[in-house]
Amino acid sequence: MLAADKDRLIFDIKQKALALRKMELEMIVSRYNNLAGLCSIAAGFSFDAIVELEFPEPEDEEEAPNPALKVMFYLSSSLALTLALYVVAVASFTVVNGHQLALLGASTGAIDRAVAVMLKQHRTLFATSAGAMLSVIVAAITITWIKMGHPWAHVTTALFGCCLLYTSPSPRDGL
């Protein structure tokens, strides 16, 4: 009787641990899917800006924006597009691979292995997506300097700086 109770307790503990790992797997899948969705939007905006944006032709040579601003805009938009596409591709493949490892694993630790494989991409994906968002902000700042006059470009740069300051993680956030 005592051995049967012990076996039942061990079985219950293993079932609860498995359910907890399954919840962890689904949480990681949800985070990666959300990240891929946000980065696909950033990639779309970046691509559209590169293709569709037309720069104003100045009537006076003194009014012409600094040519380095156009270069900076195209570089930051291209970087945002590249980083965002990387996140979309890697997050999507990681989700598919993680589910495949969890479902098709022959061993009892298949879900543990799937979670471990997916967590290996965690820092890289989040750092790359942060780089994509930073590149979008830099592209937005450069386009305001190209299209607006100097007083308003300072204001919009300050607004984007505040956006960057308040959305970036700080050490007090524990990230």
Protein backbone atom coordinates (compact mmCIF):
# COMPACT_ATOMS: atom_id res chain seq x y z
CA MET A 1 0.00 0.00 0.00
CA LEU A 2 2.78 2.40 0.88
CA ALA A 3 4.64 1.63 -2.38
CA ALA A 4 1.46 2.21 -4.40
CA ASP A 5 0.95 5.60 -2.72
CA LYS A 6 4.56 6.49 -3.45
CA ASP A 7 4.18 5.50 -7.11
CA ARG A 8 0.97 7.51 -7.40
CA LEU A 9 2.62 10.57 -5.82
CA ILE A 10 5.59 10.31 -8.22
CA PHE A 11 3.20 9.96 -11.16
CA ASP A 12 1.23 13.04 -10.05
CA ILE A 13 4.40 15.08 -9.65
CA LYS A 14 5.62 14.06 -13.10
CA GLN A 15 2.25 14.95 -14.64
CA LYS A 16 2.26 18.38 -12.99
CA ALA A 17 5.85 19.02 -14.08
CA LEU A 18 4.96 18.03 -17.64
CA ALA A 19 1.94 20.35 -17.60
CA LEU A 20 4.12 23.18 -16.31
CA ARG A 21 6.70 22.65 -19.08
CA LYS A 22 3.92 22.53 -21.65
CA MET A 23 2.64 25.90 -20.36
CA GLU A 24 6.18 27.27 -20.59
CA LEU A 25 6.45 26.06 -24.19
CA GLU A 26 3.15 27.73 -25.11
CA MET A 27 4.25 30.98 -23.43
CA ILE A 28 7.48 31.03 -25.43
CA VAL A 29 5.58 30.26 -28.64
CA SER A 30 3.17 33.10 -27.90
CA ARG A 31 6.01 35.56 -27.24
CA TYR A 32 7.85 34.60 -30.42
CA ASN A 33 4.67 34.84 -32.50
CA ASN A 34 3.97 38.31 -31.09
CA LEU A 35 7.55 39.39 -31.76
CA ALA A 36 7.39 38.08 -35.33
CA GLY A 37 4.12 39.96 -35.90
CA LEU A 38 5.53 43.26 -34.63
CA CYS A 39 8.70 42.88 -36.67
CA SER A 40 6.74 42.05 -39.80
CA ILE A 41 4.93 45.38 -39.38
CA ALA A 42 8.28 47.16 -38.91
CA ALA A 43 9.64 45.40 -42.01
CA GLY A 44 6.60 46.52 -44.00
CA PHE A 45 6.98 50.12 -42.92
CA SER A 46 10.70 50.08 -43.66
CA PHE A 47 10.21 48.57 -47.10
CA ASP A 48 7.44 51.03 -47.91
CA ALA A 49 9.61 53.96 -46.80
CA ILE A 50 12.51 52.81 -48.96
CA VAL A 51 10.34 52.29 -52.04
CA GLU A 52 7.69 55.00 -51.80
CA LEU A 53 9.35 57.97 -50.13
CA GLU A 54 10.17 60.90 -52.37
CA PHE A 55 12.44 63.65 -51.21
CA PRO A 56 11.52 67.28 -51.85
CA GLU A 57 13.57 69.15 -54.40
CA PRO A 58 14.81 72.44 -52.89
CA GLU A 59 14.26 75.63 -54.82
CA ASP A 60 17.35 77.18 -53.34
CA GLU A 61 20.73 75.48 -52.86
CA GLU A 62 20.93 76.79 -49.29
CA GLU A 63 17.65 75.07 -48.40
CA ALA A 64 18.90 71.69 -49.57
CA PRO A 65 19.20 69.16 -46.75
CA ASN A 66 22.53 67.65 -45.93
CA PRO A 67 23.13 64.77 -48.40
CA ALA A 68 24.37 62.64 -45.49
CA LEU A 69 20.80 62.64 -44.14
CA LYS A 70 19.53 60.76 -47.21
CA VAL A 71 22.30 58.21 -46.82
CA MET A 72 21.52 57.86 -43.11
CA PHE A 73 17.82 57.44 -43.88
CA TYR A 74 18.42 54.69 -46.43
CA LEU A 75 20.95 52.92 -44.22
CA SER A 76 18.73 52.97 -41.14
CA SER A 77 15.65 51.91 -43.13
CA SER A 78 17.59 49.09 -44.76
CA LEU A 79 18.97 48.01 -41.40
CA ALA A 80 15.48 48.06 -39.89
CA LEU A 81 14.17 45.96 -42.79
CA THR A 82 17.02 43.46 -42.52
CA LEU A 83 16.82 43.06 -38.75
CA ALA A 84 13.03 42.80 -38.76
CA LEU A 85 13.08 40.14 -41.49
CA TYR A 86 15.69 38.21 -39.54
CA VAL A 87 13.45 38.21 -36.44
CA VAL A 88 10.40 37.14 -38.46
CA ALA A 89 12.28 34.27 -40.09
CA VAL A 90 14.11 32.99 -37.01
CA ALA A 91 11.10 33.33 -34.70
CA SER A 92 8.86 31.51 -37.17
CA PHE A 93 11.32 28.68 -37.72
CA THR A 94 11.99 28.41 -33.99
CA VAL A 95 8.28 28.08 -33.23
CA VAL A 96 7.82 25.40 -35.87
CA ASN A 97 10.96 23.55 -34.79
CA GLY A 98 10.02 23.81 -31.11
CA HIS A 99 6.59 22.33 -31.68
CA GLN A 100 8.09 19.59 -33.83
CA LEU A 101 10.63 18.69 -31.14
CA ALA A 102 7.93 18.63 -28.47
CA LEU A 103 5.45 16.53 -30.45
CA LEU A 104 7.75 14.13 -32.25
CA GLY A 105 10.28 13.58 -29.49
CA ALA A 106 10.70 9.93 -28.63
CA SER A 107 12.11 10.52 -25.16
CA THR A 108 10.24 11.62 -22.08
CA GLY A 109 12.19 14.89 -22.01
CA ALA A 110 11.01 16.06 -25.44
CA ILE A 111 9.20 19.13 -24.12
CA ASP A 112 12.19 20.03 -21.92
CA ARG A 113 14.45 19.83 -24.97
CA ALA A 114 12.04 21.91 -27.08
CA VAL A 115 11.90 24.62 -24.40
CA ALA A 116 15.70 24.63 -24.13
CA VAL A 117 16.12 24.92 -27.91
CA MET A 118 13.62 27.78 -28.09
CA LEU A 119 15.18 29.65 -25.17
CA LYS A 120 18.57 29.62 -26.94
CA GLN A 121 17.13 32.16 -29.41
CA HIS A 122 15.55 34.39 -26.75
CA ARG A 123 18.25 37.05 -26.26
CA THR A 124 19.21 37.15 -29.92
CA LEU A 125 15.64 37.66 -31.09
CA PHE A 126 14.81 40.34 -28.56
CA ALA A 127 18.10 42.21 -29.10
CA THR A 128 17.64 42.06 -32.88
CA SER A 129 14.06 43.31 -32.64
CA ALA A 130 15.24 46.16 -30.41
CA GLY A 131 17.83 47.01 -33.07
CA ALA A 132 15.11 47.02 -35.72
CA MET A 133 12.96 49.39 -33.67
CA LEU A 134 15.94 51.66 -33.01
CA SER A 135 16.67 51.74 -36.74
CA VAL A 136 13.04 52.69 -37.45
CA ILE A 137 13.35 55.57 -34.98
CA VAL A 138 16.63 56.74 -36.56
CA ALA A 139 14.99 56.62 -40.01
CA ALA A 140 12.05 58.65 -38.69
CA ILE A 141 14.38 61.24 -37.18
CA THR A 142 16.38 61.59 -40.39
CA ILE A 143 13.27 61.99 -42.53
CA THR A 144 12.01 64.78 -40.26
CA TRP A 145 15.31 66.59 -40.74
CA ILE A 146 15.00 66.16 -44.52
CA LYS A 147 11.37 67.24 -44.84
CA MET A 148 11.00 69.85 -42.07
CA GLY A 149 12.70 73.08 -41.20
CA HIS A 150 15.22 73.25 -38.41
CA PRO A 151 13.00 74.40 -35.52
CA TRP A 152 10.44 71.65 -36.06
CA ALA A 153 13.06 69.00 -36.71
CA HIS A 154 14.47 69.72 -33.25
CA VAL A 155 11.02 69.24 -31.72
CA THR A 156 10.35 65.95 -33.50
CA THR A 157 13.83 64.69 -32.65
CA ALA A 158 13.12 65.43 -28.99
CA LEU A 159 9.79 63.59 -29.26
CA PHE A 160 11.44 60.54 -30.79
CA GLY A 161 14.17 60.74 -28.15
CA CYS A 162 11.51 60.69 -25.42
CA CYS A 163 9.86 57.72 -27.12
CA LEU A 164 13.16 55.90 -27.17
CA LEU A 165 13.93 56.80 -23.57
CA TYR A 166 10.59 55.65 -22.20
CA THR A 167 10.34 52.44 -24.23
CA SER A 168 13.86 51.16 -23.64
CA PRO A 169 14.41 48.84 -20.70
CA SER A 170 16.39 50.10 -17.76
CA PRO A 171 18.37 48.19 -15.12
CA ARG A 172 15.59 48.80 -12.60
CA ASP A 173 13.24 46.76 -14.83
CA GLY A 174 15.32 43.66 -14.24
CA LEU A 175 15.79 42.96 -17.95
